[in-house]
């Protein structure tokens, strides 16, 4: 009896785009403005509270733009929010963003 022959395929598939290089990260967040984005799921309000406290202790003068300013990033208006987001981030002087999602 002949051995079975199996064809092997790569489970991840082919890449369909070229990855972009990451943006340069800020060396120091002191005096910078951090904007918060959240999908309003799983305790983001509590997590952002802790992050604000810890980052403020570590980086003097750091400022935050609350997630409520931007709205729910996972809602019926998600498409409109994402289209407007670059302008909103510029408007609020964001140097960095913390984007939190629920689990």
PDB file of N, CA and C in Angstrom:
ATOM      1  N   UNK A   1       0.841  -1.187   0.000  1.00  0.00           N
ATOM      2  CA  UNK A   1       0.000   0.000   0.000  1.00  0.00           C
ATOM      3  C   UNK A   1       0.884   1.246   0.000  1.00  0.00           C
ATOM      4  N   UNK A   2       0.602   2.211  -0.871  1.00  0.00           N
ATOM      5  CA  UNK A   2       1.400   3.436  -1.000  1.00  0.00           C
ATOM      6  C   UNK A   2       1.072   4.412   0.124  1.00  0.00           C
ATOM      7  N   UNK A   3       2.117   5.169   0.521  1.00  0.00           N
ATOM      8  CA  UNK A   3       1.894   6.197   1.543  1.00  0.00           C
ATOM      9  C   UNK A   3       1.040   7.317   0.979  1.00  0.00           C
ATOM     10  N   UNK A   4       0.234   7.927   1.866  1.00  0.00           N
ATOM     11  CA  UNK A   4      -0.591   9.067   1.446  1.00  0.00           C
ATOM     12  C   UNK A   4       0.308  10.267   1.175  1.00  0.00           C
ATOM     13  N   UNK A   5      -0.049  11.073   0.212  1.00  0.00           N
ATOM     14  CA  UNK A   5       0.693  12.266  -0.147  1.00  0.00           C
ATOM     15  C   UNK A   5      -0.176  13.481   0.173  1.00  0.00           C
ATOM     16  N   UNK A   6       0.384  14.404   0.962  1.00  0.00           N
ATOM     17  CA  UNK A   6      -0.371  15.589   1.359  1.00  0.00           C
ATOM     18  C   UNK A   6       0.312  16.829   0.819  1.00  0.00           C
ATOM     19  N   UNK A   7      -0.499  17.772   0.391  1.00  0.00           N
ATOM     20  CA  UNK A   7       0.013  19.055  -0.060  1.00  0.00           C
ATOM     21  C   UNK A   7      -0.029  20.014   1.130  1.00  0.00           C
ATOM     22  N   UNK A   8       1.036  20.788   1.323  1.00  0.00           N
ATOM     23  CA  UNK A   8       1.117  21.707   2.453  1.00  0.00           C
ATOM     24  C   UNK A   8       0.913  23.128   1.956  1.00  0.00           C
ATOM     25  N   UNK A   9       0.111  23.875   2.688  1.00  0.00           N
ATOM     26  CA  UNK A   9      -0.118  25.282   2.338  1.00  0.00           C
ATOM     27  C   UNK A   9       0.239  26.153   3.540  1.00  0.00           C
ATOM     28  N   UNK A  10       0.629  27.391   3.268  1.00  0.00           N
ATOM     29  CA  UNK A  10       0.966  28.335   4.326  1.00  0.00           C
ATOM     30  C   UNK A  10      -0.333  28.885   4.904  1.00  0.00           C
ATOM     31  N   UNK A  11      -0.578  28.742   6.208  1.00  0.00           N
ATOM     32  CA  UNK A  11      -1.875  29.112   6.789  1.00  0.00           C
ATOM     33  C   UNK A  11      -2.140  30.621   6.855  1.00  0.00           C
ATOM     34  N   UNK A  12      -1.103  31.445   6.736  1.00  0.00           N
ATOM     35  CA  UNK A  12      -1.304  32.883   6.867  1.00  0.00           C
ATOM     36  C   UNK A  12      -1.644  33.577   5.557  1.00  0.00           C
ATOM     37  N   UNK A  13      -1.472  32.937   4.471  1.00  0.00           N
ATOM     38  CA  UNK A  13      -1.783  33.561   3.195  1.00  0.00           C
ATOM     39  C   UNK A  13      -0.708  34.550   2.783  1.00  0.00           C
ATOM     40  N   UNK A  14      -0.890  35.137   1.625  1.00  0.00           N
ATOM     41  CA  UNK A  14       0.077  36.082   1.085  1.00  0.00           C
ATOM     42  C   UNK A  14      -0.221  37.491   1.598  1.00  0.00           C
ATOM     43  N   UNK A  15       0.829  38.250   1.806  1.00  0.00           N
ATOM     44  CA  UNK A  15       0.661  39.657   2.187  1.00  0.00           C
ATOM     45  C   UNK A  15       0.101  40.411   0.977  1.00  0.00           C
ATOM     46  N   UNK A  16      -0.857  41.283   1.224  1.00  0.00           N
ATOM     47  CA  UNK A  16      -1.479  42.012   0.116  1.00  0.00           C
ATOM     48  C   UNK A  16      -1.070  43.478   0.085  1.00  0.00           C
ATOM     49  N   UNK A  17      -0.217  43.896   1.021  1.00  0.00           N
ATOM     50  CA  UNK A  17       0.256  45.278   1.026  1.00  0.00           C
ATOM     51  C   UNK A  17       1.658  45.316   1.619  1.00  0.00           C
ATOM     52  N   UNK A  18       2.357  46.374   1.323  1.00  0.00           N
ATOM     53  CA  UNK A  18       3.682  46.582   1.883  1.00  0.00           C
ATOM     54  C   UNK A  18       3.530  47.318   3.209  1.00  0.00           C
ATOM     55  N   UNK A  19       4.145  46.833   4.282  1.00  0.00           N
ATOM     56  CA  UNK A  19       4.050  47.543   5.556  1.00  0.00           C
ATOM     57  C   UNK A  19       4.719  48.911   5.470  1.00  0.00           C
ATOM     58  N   UNK A  20       4.142  49.884   6.163  1.00  0.00           N
ATOM     59  CA  UNK A  20       4.696  51.233   6.200  1.00  0.00           C
ATOM     60  C   UNK A  20       5.611  51.363   7.410  1.00  0.00           C
ATOM     61  N   UNK A  21       6.626  52.190   7.314  1.00  0.00           N
ATOM     62  CA  UNK A  21       7.477  52.394   8.493  1.00  0.00           C
ATOM     63  C   UNK A  21       6.686  53.108   9.587  1.00  0.00           C
ATOM     64  N   UNK A  22       7.021  52.811  10.838  1.00  0.00           N
ATOM     65  CA  UNK A  22       6.349  53.449  11.962  1.00  0.00           C
ATOM     66  C   UNK A  22       6.801  54.896  12.084  1.00  0.00           C
ATOM     67  N   UNK A  23       5.917  55.733  12.586  1.00  0.00           N
ATOM     68  CA  UNK A  23       6.263  57.131  12.833  1.00  0.00           C
ATOM     69  C   UNK A  23       7.283  57.204  13.962  1.00  0.00           C
ATOM     70  N   UNK A  24       8.135  58.231  13.931  1.00  0.00           N
ATOM     71  CA  UNK A  24       9.105  58.428  15.001  1.00  0.00           C
ATOM     72  C   UNK A  24       8.364  58.685  16.304  1.00  0.00           C
ATOM     73  N   UNK A  25       8.796  58.045  17.346  1.00  0.00           N
ATOM     74  CA  UNK A  25       8.154  58.201  18.645  1.00  0.00           C
ATOM     75  C   UNK A  25       8.772  59.371  19.399  1.00  0.00           C
ATOM     76  N   UNK A  26       7.959  60.017  20.225  1.00  0.00           N
ATOM     77  CA  UNK A  26       8.438  61.130  21.032  1.00  0.00           C
ATOM     78  C   UNK A  26       9.453  60.622  22.053  1.00  0.00           C
ATOM     79  N   UNK A  27      10.555  61.347  22.215  1.00  0.00           N
ATOM     80  CA  UNK A  27      11.561  60.970  23.202  1.00  0.00           C
ATOM     81  C   UNK A  27      11.062  61.207  24.622  1.00  0.00           C
ATOM     82  N   UNK A  28      10.250  62.242  24.790  1.00  0.00           N
ATOM     83  CA  UNK A  28       9.789  62.642  26.115  1.00  0.00           C
ATOM     84  C   UNK A  28       8.376  63.196  25.980  1.00  0.00           C
ATOM     85  N   UNK A  29       7.494  62.843  26.886  1.00  0.00           N
ATOM     86  CA  UNK A  29       6.112  63.320  26.832  1.00  0.00           C
ATOM     87  C   UNK A  29       5.888  64.551  27.713  1.00  0.00           C
ATOM     88  N   UNK A  30       6.923  65.050  28.357  1.00  0.00           N
ATOM     89  CA  UNK A  30       6.776  66.236  29.198  1.00  0.00           C
ATOM     90  C   UNK A  30       6.282  67.404  28.357  1.00  0.00           C
ATOM     91  N   UNK A  31       5.215  68.060  28.845  1.00  0.00           N
ATOM     92  CA  UNK A  31       4.651  69.206  28.147  1.00  0.00           C
ATOM     93  C   UNK A  31       3.901  68.872  26.864  1.00  0.00           C
ATOM     94  N   UNK A  32       3.766  67.621  26.552  1.00  0.00           N
ATOM     95  CA  UNK A  32       3.059  67.194  25.332  1.00  0.00           C
ATOM     96  C   UNK A  32       1.572  67.012  25.612  1.00  0.00           C
ATOM     97  N   UNK A  33       0.793  66.941  24.523  1.00  0.00           N
ATOM     98  CA  UNK A  33      -0.646  66.704  24.621  1.00  0.00           C
ATOM     99  C   UNK A  33      -0.948  65.306  24.113  1.00  0.00           C
ATOM    100  N   UNK A  34      -1.596  64.524  24.951  1.00  0.00           N
ATOM    101  CA  UNK A  34      -1.979  63.153  24.602  1.00  0.00           C
ATOM    102  C   UNK A  34      -3.494  63.108  24.449  1.00  0.00           C
ATOM    103  N   UNK A  35      -3.945  62.629  23.308  1.00  0.00           N
ATOM    104  CA  UNK A  35      -5.380  62.500  23.058  1.00  0.00           C
ATOM    105  C   UNK A  35      -5.790  61.055  23.287  1.00  0.00           C
ATOM    106  N   UNK A  36      -6.968  60.895  23.856  1.00  0.00           N
ATOM    107  CA  UNK A  36      -7.488  59.566  24.189  1.00  0.00           C
ATOM    108  C   UNK A  36      -8.611  59.179  23.228  1.00  0.00           C
ATOM    109  N   UNK A  37      -8.501  57.993  22.673  1.00  0.00           N
ATOM    110  CA  UNK A  37      -9.559  57.433  21.832  1.00  0.00           C
ATOM    111  C   UNK A  37     -10.031  56.143  22.476  1.00  0.00           C
ATOM    112  N   UNK A  38     -11.334  55.910  22.439  1.00  0.00           N
ATOM    113  CA  UNK A  38     -11.878  54.721  23.094  1.00  0.00           C
ATOM    114  C   UNK A  38     -13.144  54.277  22.385  1.00  0.00           C
ATOM    115  N   UNK A  39     -13.395  52.966  22.394  1.00  0.00           N
ATOM    116  CA  UNK A  39     -14.613  52.406  21.801  1.00  0.00           C
ATOM    117  C   UNK A  39     -15.721  52.201  22.833  1.00  0.00           C
ATOM    118  N   UNK A  40     -15.552  52.746  24.008  1.00  0.00           N
ATOM    119  CA  UNK A  40     -16.529  52.738  25.100  1.00  0.00           C
ATOM    120  C   UNK A  40     -16.927  51.328  25.525  1.00  0.00           C
ATOM    121  N   UNK A  41     -15.988  50.409  25.456  1.00  0.00           N
ATOM    122  CA  UNK A  41     -16.183  49.051  25.949  1.00  0.00           C
ATOM    123  C   UNK A  41     -15.155  48.781  27.034  1.00  0.00           C
ATOM    124  N   UNK A  42     -15.397  47.851  27.848  1.00  0.00           N
ATOM    125  CA  UNK A  42     -14.526  47.289  28.870  1.00  0.00           C
ATOM    126  C   UNK A  42     -13.630  48.277  29.612  1.00  0.00           C
ATOM    127  N   UNK A  43     -14.178  49.011  30.526  1.00  0.00           N
ATOM    128  CA  UNK A  43     -13.458  49.750  31.563  1.00  0.00           C
ATOM    129  C   UNK A  43     -12.429  50.768  31.071  1.00  0.00           C
ATOM    130  N   UNK A  44     -12.599  51.287  29.895  1.00  0.00           N
ATOM    131  CA  UNK A  44     -11.675  52.308  29.415  1.00  0.00           C
ATOM    132  C   UNK A  44     -11.649  53.523  30.312  1.00  0.00           C
ATOM    133  N   UNK A  45     -12.802  53.883  30.874  1.00  0.00           N
ATOM    134  CA  UNK A  45     -12.853  55.032  31.770  1.00  0.00           C
ATOM    135  C   UNK A  45     -11.915  54.828  32.962  1.00  0.00           C
ATOM    136  N   UNK A  46     -11.862  53.633  33.489  1.00  0.00           N
ATOM    137  CA  UNK A  46     -10.973  53.332  34.613  1.00  0.00           C
ATOM    138  C   UNK A  46      -9.510  53.280  34.164  1.00  0.00           C
ATOM    139  N   UNK A  47      -9.267  52.685  33.012  1.00  0.00           N
ATOM    140  CA  UNK A  47      -7.901  52.555  32.504  1.00  0.00           C
ATOM    141  C   UNK A  47      -7.315  53.933  32.202  1.00  0.00           C
ATOM    142  N   UNK A  48      -8.098  54.797  31.537  1.00  0.00           N
ATOM    143  CA  UNK A  48      -7.591  56.131  31.223  1.00  0.00           C
ATOM    144  C   UNK A  48      -7.294  56.922  32.491  1.00  0.00           C
ATOM    145  N   UNK A  49      -8.103  56.758  33.520  1.00  0.00           N
ATOM    146  CA  UNK A  49      -7.865  57.436  34.789  1.00  0.00           C
ATOM    147  C   UNK A  49      -6.507  57.046  35.367  1.00  0.00           C
ATOM    148  N   UNK A  50      -6.202  55.771  35.344  1.00  0.00           N
ATOM    149  CA  UNK A  50      -4.919  55.280  35.857  1.00  0.00           C
ATOM    150  C   UNK A  50      -3.771  55.788  34.972  1.00  0.00           C
ATOM    151  N   UNK A  51      -3.939  55.712  33.647  1.00  0.00           N
ATOM    152  CA  UNK A  51      -2.890  56.169  32.738  1.00  0.00           C
ATOM    153  C   UNK A  51      -2.591  57.653  32.928  1.00  0.00           C
ATOM    154  N   UNK A  52      -3.642  58.470  33.077  1.00  0.00           N
ATOM    155  CA  UNK A  52      -3.446  59.906  33.287  1.00  0.00           C
ATOM    156  C   UNK A  52      -2.603  60.147  34.536  1.00  0.00           C
ATOM    157  N   UNK A  53      -2.946  59.453  35.616  1.00  0.00           N
ATOM    158  CA  UNK A  53      -2.229  59.629  36.883  1.00  0.00           C
ATOM    159  C   UNK A  53      -0.757  59.234  36.737  1.00  0.00           C
ATOM    160  N   UNK A  54      -0.503  58.057  36.193  1.00  0.00           N
ATOM    161  CA  UNK A  54       0.871  57.562  36.081  1.00  0.00           C
ATOM    162  C   UNK A  54       1.706  58.392  35.110  1.00  0.00           C
ATOM    163  N   UNK A  55       1.120  58.756  33.976  1.00  0.00           N
ATOM    164  CA  UNK A  55       1.867  59.561  33.008  1.00  0.00           C
ATOM    165  C   UNK A  55       2.145  60.964  33.539  1.00  0.00           C
ATOM    166  N   UNK A  56       1.196  61.534  34.283  1.00  0.00           N
ATOM    167  CA  UNK A  56       1.398  62.859  34.877  1.00  0.00           C
ATOM    168  C   UNK A  56       2.522  62.845  35.910  1.00  0.00           C
ATOM    169  N   UNK A  57       2.641  61.749  36.651  1.00  0.00           N
ATOM    170  CA  UNK A  57       3.720  61.619  37.627  1.00  0.00           C
ATOM    171  C   UNK A  57       5.084  61.501  36.949  1.00  0.00           C
ATOM    172  N   UNK A  58       5.110  60.854  35.812  1.00  0.00           N
ATOM    173  CA  UNK A  58       6.373  60.587  35.118  1.00  0.00           C
ATOM    174  C   UNK A  58       6.804  61.725  34.200  1.00  0.00           C
ATOM    175  N   UNK A  59       5.828  62.431  33.589  1.00  0.00           N
ATOM    176  CA  UNK A  59       6.128  63.474  32.601  1.00  0.00           C
ATOM    177  C   UNK A  59       5.502  64.803  33.028  1.00  0.00           C
ATOM    178  N   UNK A  60       6.286  65.699  33.611  1.00  0.00           N
ATOM    179  CA  UNK A  60       5.746  66.986  34.066  1.00  0.00           C
ATOM    180  C   UNK A  60       5.104  67.771  32.919  1.00  0.00           C
ATOM    181  N   UNK A  61       3.945  68.351  33.197  1.00  0.00           N
ATOM    182  CA  UNK A  61       3.273  69.207  32.221  1.00  0.00           C
ATOM    183  C   UNK A  61       2.537  68.490  31.114  1.00  0.00           C
ATOM    184  N   UNK A  62       2.477  67.160  31.167  1.00  0.00           N
ATOM    185  CA  UNK A  62       1.737  66.445  30.136  1.00  0.00           C
ATOM    186  C   UNK A  62       0.255  66.818  30.248  1.00  0.00           C
ATOM    187  N   UNK A  63      -0.390  66.982  29.097  1.00  0.00           N
ATOM    188  CA  UNK A  63      -1.813  67.338  29.060  1.00  0.00           C
ATOM    189  C   UNK A  63      -2.576  66.225  28.345  1.00  0.00           C
ATOM    190  N   UNK A  64      -3.866  66.132  28.648  1.00  0.00           N
ATOM    191  CA  UNK A  64      -4.698  65.087  28.060  1.00  0.00           C
ATOM    192  C   UNK A  64      -5.952  65.709  27.453  1.00  0.00           C
ATOM    193  N   UNK A  65      -6.366  65.167  26.311  1.00  0.00           N
ATOM    194  CA  UNK A  65      -7.660  65.502  25.721  1.00  0.00           C
ATOM    195  C   UNK A  65      -8.516  64.256  25.909  1.00  0.00           C
ATOM    196  N   UNK A  66      -9.554  64.393  26.711  1.00  0.00           N
ATOM    197  CA  UNK A  66     -10.401  63.281  27.132  1.00  0.00           C
ATOM    198  C   UNK A  66     -11.079  62.593  25.940  1.00  0.00           C
ATOM    199  N   UNK A  67     -11.276  61.295  26.064  1.00  0.00           N
ATOM    200  CA  UNK A  67     -11.921  60.497  25.018  1.00  0.00           C
ATOM    201  C   UNK A  67     -13.322  60.997  24.675  1.00  0.00           C
ATOM    202  N   UNK A  68     -14.000  61.642  25.627  1.00  0.00           N
ATOM    203  CA  UNK A  68     -15.353  62.153  25.347  1.00  0.00           C
ATOM    204  C   UNK A  68     -15.356  63.218  24.259  1.00  0.00           C
ATOM    205  N   UNK A  69     -14.239  63.916  24.085  1.00  0.00           N
ATOM    206  CA  UNK A  69     -14.136  64.957  23.059  1.00  0.00           C
ATOM    207  C   UNK A  69     -14.293  64.348  21.670  1.00  0.00           C
ATOM    208  N   UNK A  70     -13.792  63.141  21.492  1.00  0.00           N
ATOM    209  CA  UNK A  70     -13.769  62.510  20.174  1.00  0.00           C
ATOM    210  C   UNK A  70     -14.978  61.614  19.911  1.00  0.00           C
ATOM    211  N   UNK A  71     -15.599  61.108  20.939  1.00  0.00           N
ATOM    212  CA  UNK A  71     -16.746  60.223  20.766  1.00  0.00           C
ATOM    213  C   UNK A  71     -16.338  58.764  20.643  1.00  0.00           C
ATOM    214  N   UNK A  72     -17.335  57.929  20.570  1.00  0.00           N
ATOM    215  CA  UNK A  72     -17.171  56.478  20.508  1.00  0.00           C
ATOM    216  C   UNK A  72     -16.557  56.069  19.174  1.00  0.00           C
ATOM    217  N   UNK A  73     -15.394  55.420  19.220  1.00  0.00           N
ATOM    218  CA  UNK A  73     -14.723  55.007  17.984  1.00  0.00           C
ATOM    219  C   UNK A  73     -15.301  53.731  17.381  1.00  0.00           C
ATOM    220  N   UNK A  74     -16.313  53.184  18.015  1.00  0.00           N
ATOM    221  CA  UNK A  74     -16.947  51.965  17.498  1.00  0.00           C
ATOM    222  C   UNK A  74     -18.465  52.114  17.609  1.00  0.00           C
ATOM    223  N   UNK A  75     -18.997  52.981  16.805  1.00  0.00           N
ATOM    224  CA  UNK A  75     -20.425  53.258  16.865  1.00  0.00           C
ATOM    225  C   UNK A  75     -20.981  53.362  15.446  1.00  0.00           C
ATOM    226  N   UNK A  76     -22.251  53.708  15.353  1.00  0.00           N
ATOM    227  CA  UNK A  76     -22.862  53.890  14.031  1.00  0.00           C
ATOM    228  C   UNK A  76     -22.192  55.020  13.259  1.00  0.00           C
ATOM    229  N   UNK A  77     -21.547  55.944  13.975  1.00  0.00           N
ATOM    230  CA  UNK A  77     -20.892  57.084  13.330  1.00  0.00           C
ATOM    231  C   UNK A  77     -19.379  56.875  13.192  1.00  0.00           C
ATOM    232  N   UNK A  78     -18.938  55.634  13.296  1.00  0.00           N
ATOM    233  CA  UNK A  78     -17.518  55.313  13.248  1.00  0.00           C
ATOM    234  C   UNK A  78     -16.855  55.823  11.970  1.00  0.00           C
ATOM    235  N   UNK A  79     -17.471  55.605  10.836  1.00  0.00           N
ATOM    236  CA  UNK A  79     -16.892  56.015   9.549  1.00  0.00           C
ATOM    237  C   UNK A  79     -16.689  57.529   9.496  1.00  0.00           C
ATOM    238  N   UNK A  80     -17.690  58.285   9.943  1.00  0.00           N
ATOM    239  CA  UNK A  80     -17.587  59.741   9.937  1.00  0.00           C
ATOM    240  C   UNK A  80     -16.506  60.211  10.915  1.00  0.00           C
ATOM    241  N   UNK A  81     -16.453  59.568  12.094  1.00  0.00           N
ATOM    242  CA  UNK A  81     -15.452  59.945  13.094  1.00  0.00           C
ATOM    243  C   UNK A  81     -14.045  59.697  12.565  1.00  0.00           C
ATOM    244  N   UNK A  82     -13.814  58.552  11.952  1.00  0.00           N
ATOM    245  CA  UNK A  82     -12.482  58.243  11.439  1.00  0.00           C
ATOM    246  C   UNK A  82     -12.085  59.203  10.318  1.00  0.00           C
ATOM    247  N   UNK A  83     -13.036  59.619   9.496  1.00  0.00           N
ATOM    248  CA  UNK A  83     -12.736  60.583   8.430  1.00  0.00           C
ATOM    249  C   UNK A  83     -12.366  61.946   9.020  1.00  0.00           C
ATOM    250  N   UNK A  84     -13.020  62.323  10.117  1.00  0.00           N
ATOM    251  CA  UNK A  84     -12.782  63.626  10.740  1.00  0.00           C
ATOM    252  C   UNK A  84     -11.609  63.607  11.725  1.00  0.00           C
ATOM    253  N   UNK A  85     -11.159  62.436  12.117  1.00  0.00           N
ATOM    254  CA  UNK A  85     -10.177  62.312  13.186  1.00  0.00           C
ATOM    255  C   UNK A  85      -8.868  63.066  12.937  1.00  0.00           C
ATOM    256  N   UNK A  86      -8.242  62.980  11.775  1.00  0.00           N
ATOM    257  CA  UNK A  86      -6.987  63.726  11.595  1.00  0.00           C
ATOM    258  C   UNK A  86      -7.142  65.223  11.877  1.00  0.00           C
ATOM    259  N   UNK A  87      -8.216  65.809  11.400  1.00  0.00           N
ATOM    260  CA  UNK A  87      -8.461  67.224  11.659  1.00  0.00           C
ATOM    261  C   UNK A  87      -8.710  67.503  13.131  1.00  0.00           C
ATOM    262  N   UNK A  88      -9.435  66.615  13.794  1.00  0.00           N
ATOM    263  CA  UNK A  88      -9.710  66.787  15.221  1.00  0.00           C
ATOM    264  C   UNK A  88      -8.430  66.685  16.042  1.00  0.00           C
ATOM    265  N   UNK A  89      -7.547  65.763  15.669  1.00  0.00           N
ATOM    266  CA  UNK A  89      -6.281  65.622  16.388  1.00  0.00           C
ATOM    267  C   UNK A  89      -5.427  66.877  16.221  1.00  0.00           C
ATOM    268  N   UNK A  90      -5.390  67.429  15.001  1.00  0.00           N
ATOM    269  CA  UNK A  90      -4.651  68.682  14.775  1.00  0.00           C
ATOM    270  C   UNK A  90      -5.281  69.824  15.567  1.00  0.00           C
ATOM    271  N   UNK A  91      -6.607  69.905  15.532  1.00  0.00           N
ATOM    272  CA  UNK A  91      -7.332  70.970  16.227  1.00  0.00           C
ATOM    273  C   UNK A  91      -7.014  70.992  17.721  1.00  0.00           C
ATOM    274  N   UNK A  92      -6.847  69.846  18.310  1.00  0.00           N
ATOM    275  CA  UNK A  92      -6.590  69.739  19.747  1.00  0.00           C
ATOM    276  C   UNK A  92      -5.100  69.667  20.078  1.00  0.00           C
ATOM    277  N   UNK A  93      -4.254  69.820  19.069  1.00  0.00           N
ATOM    278  CA  UNK A  93      -2.813  69.858  19.300  1.00  0.00           C
ATOM    279  C   UNK A  93      -2.225  68.565  19.814  1.00  0.00           C
ATOM    280  N   UNK A  94      -2.734  67.445  19.348  1.00  0.00           N
ATOM    281  CA  UNK A  94      -2.290  66.137  19.844  1.00  0.00           C
ATOM    282  C   UNK A  94      -0.876  65.821  19.366  1.00  0.00           C
ATOM    283  N   UNK A  95      -0.015  65.485  20.312  1.00  0.00           N
ATOM    284  CA  UNK A  95       1.337  65.018  20.007  1.00  0.00           C
ATOM    285  C   UNK A  95       1.400  63.498  20.007  1.00  0.00           C
ATOM    286  N   UNK A  96       0.473  62.865  20.734  1.00  0.00           N
ATOM    287  CA  UNK A  96       0.429  61.411  20.847  1.00  0.00           C
ATOM    288  C   UNK A  96      -1.017  60.995  21.102  1.00  0.00           C
ATOM    289  N   UNK A  97      -1.313  59.744  20.815  1.00  0.00           N
ATOM    290  CA  UNK A  97      -2.670  59.213  21.007  1.00  0.00           C
ATOM    291  C   UNK A  97      -2.570  57.895  21.757  1.00  0.00           C
ATOM    292  N   UNK A  98      -3.486  57.719  22.706  1.00  0.00           N
ATOM    293  CA  UNK A  98      -3.687  56.411  23.332  1.00  0.00           C
ATOM    294  C   UNK A  98      -5.044  55.942  22.819  1.00  0.00           C
ATOM    295  N   UNK A  99      -5.047  54.849  22.084  1.00  0.00           N
ATOM    296  CA  UNK A  99      -6.284  54.295  21.551  1.00  0.00           C
ATOM    297  C   UNK A  99      -6.587  53.013  22.303  1.00  0.00           C
ATOM    298  N   UNK A 100      -7.692  52.985  23.039  1.00  0.00           N
ATOM    299  CA  UNK A 100      -8.046  51.829  23.852  1.00  0.00           C
ATOM    300  C   UNK A 100      -9.270  51.150  23.255  1.00  0.00           C
ATOM    301  N   UNK A 101      -9.228  49.837  23.261  1.00  0.00           N
ATOM    302  CA  UNK A 101     -10.362  49.047  22.778  1.00  0.00           C
ATOM    303  C   UNK A 101     -10.770  48.074  23.868  1.00  0.00           C
ATOM    304  N   UNK A 102     -12.028  47.702  23.843  1.00  0.00           N
ATOM    305  CA  UNK A 102     -12.528  46.735  24.815  1.00  0.00           C
ATOM    306  C   UNK A 102     -12.046  45.338  24.495  1.00  0.00           C
ATOM    307  N   UNK A 103     -12.216  44.459  25.455  1.00  0.00           N
ATOM    308  CA  UNK A 103     -11.761  43.080  25.206  1.00  0.00           C
ATOM    309  C   UNK A 103     -12.929  42.217  24.812  1.00  0.00           C
TER     310      UNK A 103
END
